[in-house]
PDB file of N, CA and C in Angstrom:
ATOM      1  N   UNK A   1     -11.023  -4.890  13.334  1.00  0.00           N
ATOM      2  CA  UNK A   1      -9.650  -5.320  13.243  1.00  0.00           C
ATOM      3  C   UNK A   1      -8.874  -4.355  12.344  1.00  0.00           C
ATOM      4  N   UNK A   2      -7.746  -3.955  12.774  1.00  0.00           N
ATOM      5  CA  UNK A   2      -6.826  -3.145  11.984  1.00  0.00           C
ATOM      6  C   UNK A   2      -5.420  -3.485  12.438  1.00  0.00           C
ATOM      7  N   UNK A   3      -4.509  -3.635  11.466  1.00  0.00           N
ATOM      8  CA  UNK A   3      -3.108  -3.796  11.845  1.00  0.00           C
ATOM      9  C   UNK A   3      -2.227  -3.144  10.788  1.00  0.00           C
ATOM     10  N   UNK A   4      -1.050  -2.767  11.216  1.00  0.00           N
ATOM     11  CA  UNK A   4      -0.045  -2.207  10.332  1.00  0.00           C
ATOM     12  C   UNK A   4       1.303  -2.772  10.763  1.00  0.00           C
ATOM     13  N   UNK A   5       1.908  -3.569   9.887  1.00  0.00           N
ATOM     14  CA  UNK A   5       3.215  -4.174  10.174  1.00  0.00           C
ATOM     15  C   UNK A   5       4.253  -3.540   9.261  1.00  0.00           C
ATOM     16  N   UNK A   6       5.350  -3.110   9.832  1.00  0.00           N
ATOM     17  CA  UNK A   6       6.454  -2.604   9.019  1.00  0.00           C
ATOM     18  C   UNK A   6       7.424  -3.747   8.752  1.00  0.00           C
ATOM     19  N   UNK A   7       8.070  -3.695   7.589  1.00  0.00           N
ATOM     20  CA  UNK A   7       8.992  -4.757   7.203  1.00  0.00           C
ATOM     21  C   UNK A   7      10.403  -4.187   7.013  1.00  0.00           C
ATOM     22  N   UNK A   8      10.637  -3.513   5.919  1.00  0.00           N
ATOM     23  CA  UNK A   8      11.966  -2.967   5.635  1.00  0.00           C
ATOM     24  C   UNK A   8      11.912  -1.447   5.727  1.00  0.00           C
ATOM     25  N   UNK A   9      12.989  -0.881   6.252  1.00  0.00           N
ATOM     26  CA  UNK A   9      13.122   0.578   6.348  1.00  0.00           C
ATOM     27  C   UNK A   9      14.480   0.943   5.762  1.00  0.00           C
ATOM     28  N   UNK A  10      14.480   1.960   4.898  1.00  0.00           N
ATOM     29  CA  UNK A  10      15.724   2.422   4.287  1.00  0.00           C
ATOM     30  C   UNK A  10      15.742   3.945   4.302  1.00  0.00           C
ATOM     31  N   UNK A  11      16.841   4.514   4.797  1.00  0.00           N
ATOM     32  CA  UNK A  11      16.995   5.972   4.834  1.00  0.00           C
ATOM     33  C   UNK A  11      18.347   6.325   4.247  1.00  0.00           C
ATOM     34  N   UNK A  12      18.317   7.217   3.262  1.00  0.00           N
ATOM     35  CA  UNK A  12      19.540   7.724   2.646  1.00  0.00           C
ATOM     36  C   UNK A  12      19.403   9.237   2.541  1.00  0.00           C
ATOM     37  N   UNK A  13      20.262   9.935   3.243  1.00  0.00           N
ATOM     38  CA  UNK A  13      20.197  11.400   3.204  1.00  0.00           C
ATOM     39  C   UNK A  13      18.869  11.903   3.744  1.00  0.00           C
ATOM     40  N   UNK A  14      18.142  12.648   2.916  1.00  0.00           N
ATOM     41  CA  UNK A  14      16.876  13.223   3.354  1.00  0.00           C
ATOM     42  C   UNK A  14      15.659  12.443   2.861  1.00  0.00           C
ATOM     43  N   UNK A  15      15.861  11.207   2.403  1.00  0.00           N
ATOM     44  CA  UNK A  15      14.777  10.405   1.852  1.00  0.00           C
ATOM     45  C   UNK A  15      14.740   9.035   2.534  1.00  0.00           C
ATOM     46  N   UNK A  16      13.534   8.606   2.899  1.00  0.00           N
ATOM     47  CA  UNK A  16      13.379   7.302   3.526  1.00  0.00           C
ATOM     48  C   UNK A  16      12.198   6.548   2.940  1.00  0.00           C
ATOM     49  N   UNK A  17      12.285   5.223   2.974  1.00  0.00           N
ATOM     50  CA  UNK A  17      11.199   4.362   2.512  1.00  0.00           C
ATOM     51  C   UNK A  17      10.881   3.338   3.592  1.00  0.00           C
ATOM     52  N   UNK A  18       9.595   3.069   3.754  1.00  0.00           N
ATOM     53  CA  UNK A  18       9.136   2.052   4.699  1.00  0.00           C
ATOM     54  C   UNK A  18       8.221   1.103   3.939  1.00  0.00           C
ATOM     55  N   UNK A  19       8.567  -0.185   3.980  1.00  0.00           N
ATOM     56  CA  UNK A  19       7.720  -1.208   3.370  1.00  0.00           C
ATOM     57  C   UNK A  19       6.799  -1.736   4.463  1.00  0.00           C
ATOM     58  N   UNK A  20       5.493  -1.875   4.157  1.00  0.00           N
ATOM     59  CA  UNK A  20       4.536  -2.249   5.189  1.00  0.00           C
ATOM     60  C   UNK A  20       3.395  -3.091   4.624  1.00  0.00           C
ATOM     61  N   UNK A  21       2.647  -3.687   5.544  1.00  0.00           N
ATOM     62  CA  UNK A  21       1.418  -4.401   5.218  1.00  0.00           C
ATOM     63  C   UNK A  21       0.342  -3.905   6.177  1.00  0.00           C
ATOM     64  N   UNK A  22      -0.783  -3.511   5.600  1.00  0.00           N
ATOM     65  CA  UNK A  22      -1.915  -3.042   6.390  1.00  0.00           C
ATOM     66  C   UNK A  22      -3.065  -4.019   6.198  1.00  0.00           C
ATOM     67  N   UNK A  23      -3.734  -4.330   7.268  1.00  0.00           N
ATOM     68  CA  UNK A  23      -4.899  -5.196   7.192  1.00  0.00           C
ATOM     69  C   UNK A  23      -6.063  -4.564   7.922  1.00  0.00           C
ATOM     70  N   UNK A  24      -7.248  -4.739   7.364  1.00  0.00           N
ATOM     71  CA  UNK A  24      -8.433  -4.258   8.045  1.00  0.00           C
ATOM     72  C   UNK A  24      -9.628  -5.119   7.691  1.00  0.00           C
ATOM     73  N   UNK A  25     -10.638  -5.023   8.513  1.00  0.00           N
ATOM     74  CA  UNK A  25     -11.844  -5.810   8.312  1.00  0.00           C
ATOM     75  C   UNK A  25     -12.983  -4.839   8.056  1.00  0.00           C
ATOM     76  N   UNK A  26     -13.685  -5.057   6.931  1.00  0.00           N
ATOM     77  CA  UNK A  26     -14.826  -4.227   6.566  1.00  0.00           C
ATOM     78  C   UNK A  26     -16.017  -5.156   6.375  1.00  0.00           C
ATOM     79  N   UNK A  27     -17.068  -4.935   7.140  1.00  0.00           N
ATOM     80  CA  UNK A  27     -18.288  -5.755   7.063  1.00  0.00           C
ATOM     81  C   UNK A  27     -17.965  -7.246   7.147  1.00  0.00           C
ATOM     82  N   UNK A  28     -17.052  -7.601   8.049  1.00  0.00           N
ATOM     83  CA  UNK A  28     -16.722  -8.992   8.285  1.00  0.00           C
ATOM     84  C   UNK A  28     -15.730  -9.604   7.308  1.00  0.00           C
ATOM     85  N   UNK A  29     -15.290  -8.861   6.303  1.00  0.00           N
ATOM     86  CA  UNK A  29     -14.341  -9.373   5.303  1.00  0.00           C
ATOM     87  C   UNK A  29     -12.980  -8.728   5.549  1.00  0.00           C
ATOM     88  N   UNK A  30     -11.920  -9.561   5.575  1.00  0.00           N
ATOM     89  CA  UNK A  30     -10.569  -9.056   5.802  1.00  0.00           C
ATOM     90  C   UNK A  30      -9.911  -8.649   4.483  1.00  0.00           C
ATOM     91  N   UNK A  31      -9.221  -7.526   4.515  1.00  0.00           N
ATOM     92  CA  UNK A  31      -8.490  -7.022   3.362  1.00  0.00           C
ATOM     93  C   UNK A  31      -7.050  -6.783   3.779  1.00  0.00           C
ATOM     94  N   UNK A  32      -6.113  -7.195   2.918  1.00  0.00           N
ATOM     95  CA  UNK A  32      -4.682  -7.022   3.173  1.00  0.00           C
ATOM     96  C   UNK A  32      -4.112  -6.154   2.049  1.00  0.00           C
ATOM     97  N   UNK A  33      -3.444  -5.081   2.432  1.00  0.00           N
ATOM     98  CA  UNK A  33      -2.859  -4.146   1.476  1.00  0.00           C
ATOM     99  C   UNK A  33      -1.363  -4.010   1.721  1.00  0.00           C
ATOM    100  N   UNK A  34      -0.518  -4.555   0.848  1.00  0.00           N
ATOM    101  CA  UNK A  34       0.918  -4.290   0.964  1.00  0.00           C
ATOM    102  C   UNK A  34       1.218  -2.922   0.357  1.00  0.00           C
ATOM    103  N   UNK A  35       2.170  -2.217   0.938  1.00  0.00           N
ATOM    104  CA  UNK A  35       2.491  -0.897   0.398  1.00  0.00           C
ATOM    105  C   UNK A  35       3.852  -0.399   0.828  1.00  0.00           C
ATOM    106  N   UNK A  36       4.155   0.793   0.355  1.00  0.00           N
ATOM    107  CA  UNK A  36       5.414   1.462   0.654  1.00  0.00           C
ATOM    108  C   UNK A  36       5.128   2.934   0.916  1.00  0.00           C
ATOM    109  N   UNK A  37       5.849   3.500   1.860  1.00  0.00           N
ATOM    110  CA  UNK A  37       5.741   4.921   2.164  1.00  0.00           C
ATOM    111  C   UNK A  37       7.069   5.582   1.860  1.00  0.00           C
ATOM    112  N   UNK A  38       7.004   6.738   1.185  1.00  0.00           N
ATOM    113  CA  UNK A  38       8.198   7.540   0.934  1.00  0.00           C
ATOM    114  C   UNK A  38       8.136   8.754   1.852  1.00  0.00           C
ATOM    115  N   UNK A  39       9.218   9.011   2.539  1.00  0.00           N
ATOM    116  CA  UNK A  39       9.317  10.149   3.456  1.00  0.00           C
ATOM    117  C   UNK A  39      10.465  11.047   3.023  1.00  0.00           C
ATOM    118  N   UNK A  40      10.210  12.349   2.986  1.00  0.00           N
ATOM    119  CA  UNK A  40      11.271  13.332   2.756  1.00  0.00           C
ATOM    120  C   UNK A  40      11.433  14.140   4.032  1.00  0.00           C
ATOM    121  N   UNK A  41      12.679  14.274   4.470  1.00  0.00           N
ATOM    122  CA  UNK A  41      12.975  14.954   5.721  1.00  0.00           C
ATOM    123  C   UNK A  41      13.521  16.352   5.459  1.00  0.00           C
ATOM    124  N   UNK A  42      13.126  17.301   6.314  1.00  0.00           N
ATOM    125  CA  UNK A  42      13.648  18.656   6.236  1.00  0.00           C
ATOM    126  C   UNK A  42      14.998  18.747   6.938  1.00  0.00           C
ATOM    127  N   UNK A  43      15.578  19.924   6.887  1.00  0.00           N
ATOM    128  CA  UNK A  43      16.884  20.143   7.523  1.00  0.00           C
ATOM    129  C   UNK A  43      16.836  19.917   9.028  1.00  0.00           C
ATOM    130  N   UNK A  44      15.648  20.108   9.634  1.00  0.00           N
ATOM    131  CA  UNK A  44      15.500  19.909  11.083  1.00  0.00           C
ATOM    132  C   UNK A  44      15.284  18.438  11.456  1.00  0.00           C
ATOM    133  N   UNK A  45      15.256  17.536  10.437  1.00  0.00           N
ATOM    134  CA  UNK A  45      15.077  16.112  10.685  1.00  0.00           C
ATOM    135  C   UNK A  45      13.632  15.669  10.770  1.00  0.00           C
ATOM    136  N   UNK A  46      12.693  16.624  10.696  1.00  0.00           N
ATOM    137  CA  UNK A  46      11.276  16.278  10.735  1.00  0.00           C
ATOM    138  C   UNK A  46      10.773  15.945   9.329  1.00  0.00           C
ATOM    139  N   UNK A  47       9.716  15.162   9.272  1.00  0.00           N
ATOM    140  CA  UNK A  47       9.139  14.790   7.976  1.00  0.00           C
ATOM    141  C   UNK A  47       8.467  16.001   7.352  1.00  0.00           C
ATOM    142  N   UNK A  48       8.885  16.336   6.122  1.00  0.00           N
ATOM    143  CA  UNK A  48       8.258  17.463   5.429  1.00  0.00           C
ATOM    144  C   UNK A  48       7.337  17.007   4.303  1.00  0.00           C
ATOM    145  N   UNK A  49       7.494  15.746   3.867  1.00  0.00           N
ATOM    146  CA  UNK A  49       6.615  15.213   2.835  1.00  0.00           C
ATOM    147  C   UNK A  49       6.432  13.717   3.055  1.00  0.00           C
ATOM    148  N   UNK A  50       5.210  13.247   2.854  1.00  0.00           N
ATOM    149  CA  UNK A  50       4.861  11.842   3.088  1.00  0.00           C
ATOM    150  C   UNK A  50       3.943  11.393   1.959  1.00  0.00           C
ATOM    151  N   UNK A  51       4.267  10.255   1.343  1.00  0.00           N
ATOM    152  CA  UNK A  51       3.420   9.711   0.285  1.00  0.00           C
ATOM    153  C   UNK A  51       3.372   8.197   0.415  1.00  0.00           C
ATOM    154  N   UNK A  52       2.147   7.646   0.372  1.00  0.00           N
ATOM    155  CA  UNK A  52       1.942   6.200   0.419  1.00  0.00           C
ATOM    156  C   UNK A  52       1.678   5.673  -0.979  1.00  0.00           C
ATOM    157  N   UNK A  53       2.226   4.497  -1.264  1.00  0.00           N
ATOM    158  CA  UNK A  53       1.999   3.805  -2.531  1.00  0.00           C
ATOM    159  C   UNK A  53       1.462   2.410  -2.208  1.00  0.00           C
ATOM    160  N   UNK A  54       0.224   2.139  -2.627  1.00  0.00           N
ATOM    161  CA  UNK A  54      -0.341   0.811  -2.449  1.00  0.00           C
ATOM    162  C   UNK A  54      -1.497   0.616  -3.415  1.00  0.00           C
ATOM    163  N   UNK A  55      -1.832  -0.635  -3.632  1.00  0.00           N
ATOM    164  CA  UNK A  55      -2.906  -0.997  -4.536  1.00  0.00           C
ATOM    165  C   UNK A  55      -4.189  -1.172  -3.730  1.00  0.00           C
ATOM    166  N   UNK A  56      -5.124  -0.267  -3.887  1.00  0.00           N
ATOM    167  CA  UNK A  56      -6.400  -0.363  -3.186  1.00  0.00           C
ATOM    168  C   UNK A  56      -7.383  -1.256  -3.938  1.00  0.00           C
ATOM    169  N   UNK A  57      -7.416  -1.130  -5.252  1.00  0.00           N
ATOM    170  CA  UNK A  57      -8.446  -1.819  -6.054  1.00  0.00           C
ATOM    171  C   UNK A  57      -8.277  -3.332  -6.081  1.00  0.00           C
ATOM    172  N   UNK A  58      -7.062  -3.829  -6.288  1.00  0.00           N
ATOM    173  CA  UNK A  58      -6.849  -5.274  -6.401  1.00  0.00           C
ATOM    174  C   UNK A  58      -7.346  -6.048  -5.196  1.00  0.00           C
ATOM    175  N   UNK A  59      -6.856  -5.747  -3.986  1.00  0.00           N
ATOM    176  CA  UNK A  59      -7.315  -6.487  -2.815  1.00  0.00           C
ATOM    177  C   UNK A  59      -8.784  -6.236  -2.471  1.00  0.00           C
ATOM    178  N   UNK A  60      -9.287  -5.049  -2.790  1.00  0.00           N
ATOM    179  CA  UNK A  60     -10.657  -4.716  -2.430  1.00  0.00           C
ATOM    180  C   UNK A  60     -11.663  -5.339  -3.383  1.00  0.00           C
ATOM    181  N   UNK A  61     -11.427  -5.193  -4.692  1.00  0.00           N
ATOM    182  CA  UNK A  61     -12.408  -5.637  -5.675  1.00  0.00           C
ATOM    183  C   UNK A  61     -12.054  -6.960  -6.338  1.00  0.00           C
ATOM    184  N   UNK A  62     -10.815  -7.436  -6.168  1.00  0.00           N
ATOM    185  CA  UNK A  62     -10.406  -8.708  -6.758  1.00  0.00           C
ATOM    186  C   UNK A  62     -11.277  -9.888  -6.373  1.00  0.00           C
ATOM    187  N   UNK A  63     -11.697 -10.012  -5.092  1.00  0.00           N
ATOM    188  CA  UNK A  63     -12.526 -11.152  -4.697  1.00  0.00           C
ATOM    189  C   UNK A  63     -13.993 -11.061  -5.140  1.00  0.00           C
ATOM    190  N   UNK A  64     -14.437  -9.911  -5.620  1.00  0.00           N
ATOM    191  CA  UNK A  64     -15.849  -9.731  -6.005  1.00  0.00           C
ATOM    192  C   UNK A  64     -16.127 -10.521  -7.283  1.00  0.00           C
ATOM    193  N   UNK A  65     -17.201 -11.350  -7.304  1.00  0.00           N
ATOM    194  CA  UNK A  65     -17.419 -12.278  -8.418  1.00  0.00           C
ATOM    195  C   UNK A  65     -17.332 -11.692  -9.826  1.00  0.00           C
ATOM    196  N   UNK A  66     -18.079 -10.722 -10.207  1.00  0.00           N
ATOM    197  CA  UNK A  66     -18.041 -10.229 -11.591  1.00  0.00           C
ATOM    198  C   UNK A  66     -16.943  -9.179 -11.770  1.00  0.00           C
ATOM    199  N   UNK A  67     -16.759  -8.355 -10.780  1.00  0.00           N
ATOM    200  CA  UNK A  67     -15.786  -7.267 -10.864  1.00  0.00           C
ATOM    201  C   UNK A  67     -14.349  -7.779 -10.781  1.00  0.00           C
ATOM    202  N   UNK A  68     -14.109  -8.820  -9.992  1.00  0.00           N
ATOM    203  CA  UNK A  68     -12.758  -9.351  -9.791  1.00  0.00           C
ATOM    204  C   UNK A  68     -12.059  -9.759 -11.072  1.00  0.00           C
ATOM    205  N   UNK A  69     -12.692 -10.607 -11.912  1.00  0.00           N
ATOM    206  CA  UNK A  69     -12.031 -10.981 -13.169  1.00  0.00           C
ATOM    207  C   UNK A  69     -11.753  -9.784 -14.071  1.00  0.00           C
ATOM    208  N   UNK A  70     -12.635  -8.813 -14.072  1.00  0.00           N
ATOM    209  CA  UNK A  70     -12.407  -7.608 -14.882  1.00  0.00           C
ATOM    210  C   UNK A  70     -11.202  -6.831 -14.365  1.00  0.00           C
ATOM    211  N   UNK A  71     -11.100  -6.673 -13.060  1.00  0.00           N
ATOM    212  CA  UNK A  71      -9.964  -5.953 -12.458  1.00  0.00           C
ATOM    213  C   UNK A  71      -8.659  -6.678 -12.795  1.00  0.00           C
ATOM    214  N   UNK A  72      -8.642  -8.016 -12.662  1.00  0.00           N
ATOM    215  CA  UNK A  72      -7.429  -8.774 -12.985  1.00  0.00           C
ATOM    216  C   UNK A  72      -7.077  -8.647 -14.465  1.00  0.00           C
ATOM    217  N   UNK A  73      -8.086  -8.672 -15.334  1.00  0.00           N
ATOM    218  CA  UNK A  73      -7.845  -8.499 -16.771  1.00  0.00           C
ATOM    219  C   UNK A  73      -7.261  -7.111 -17.053  1.00  0.00           C
ATOM    220  N   UNK A  74      -7.859  -6.091 -16.424  1.00  0.00           N
ATOM    221  CA  UNK A  74      -7.379  -4.714 -16.620  1.00  0.00           C
ATOM    222  C   UNK A  74      -5.933  -4.575 -16.160  1.00  0.00           C
ATOM    223  N   UNK A  75      -5.607  -5.152 -15.003  1.00  0.00           N
ATOM    224  CA  UNK A  75      -4.235  -5.104 -14.494  1.00  0.00           C
ATOM    225  C   UNK A  75      -3.279  -5.796 -15.470  1.00  0.00           C
ATOM    226  N   UNK A  76      -3.716  -6.916 -16.051  1.00  0.00           N
ATOM    227  CA  UNK A  76      -2.839  -7.648 -16.974  1.00  0.00           C
ATOM    228  C   UNK A  76      -2.480  -6.795 -18.180  1.00  0.00           C
ATOM    229  N   UNK A  77      -3.350  -5.898 -18.586  1.00  0.00           N
ATOM    230  CA  UNK A  77      -3.093  -5.018 -19.719  1.00  0.00           C
ATOM    231  C   UNK A  77      -2.047  -3.946 -19.388  1.00  0.00           C
ATOM    232  N   UNK A  78      -1.995  -3.542 -18.118  1.00  0.00           N
ATOM    233  CA  UNK A  78      -1.070  -2.487 -17.701  1.00  0.00           C
ATOM    234  C   UNK A  78       0.257  -3.030 -17.195  1.00  0.00           C
ATOM    235  N   UNK A  79       0.261  -4.257 -16.684  1.00  0.00           N
ATOM    236  CA  UNK A  79       1.438  -4.788 -16.006  1.00  0.00           C
ATOM    237  C   UNK A  79       2.160  -5.828 -16.845  1.00  0.00           C
ATOM    238  N   UNK A  80       1.637  -6.174 -18.006  1.00  0.00           N
ATOM    239  CA  UNK A  80       2.266  -7.233 -18.803  1.00  0.00           C
ATOM    240  C   UNK A  80       3.609  -6.848 -19.348  1.00  0.00           C
TER     241      UNK A  80
END
């Protein structure tokens, strides 16, 4: 299983952002990753730079019994 849903798209000048949700199944377990993509366009209108921003560790390791609480604790130290 794999899916990619786009939500909001914003383009201003030569810069665009796409908000999305990606889901995939690994060894029978489903993982959902919300993220954002930044696109920079060249003068010809083609994409010249692409960067994705999403949290891989939280959704992947958060449900793991011993590792999950540690990951959440670590995030609380950075996001508080």
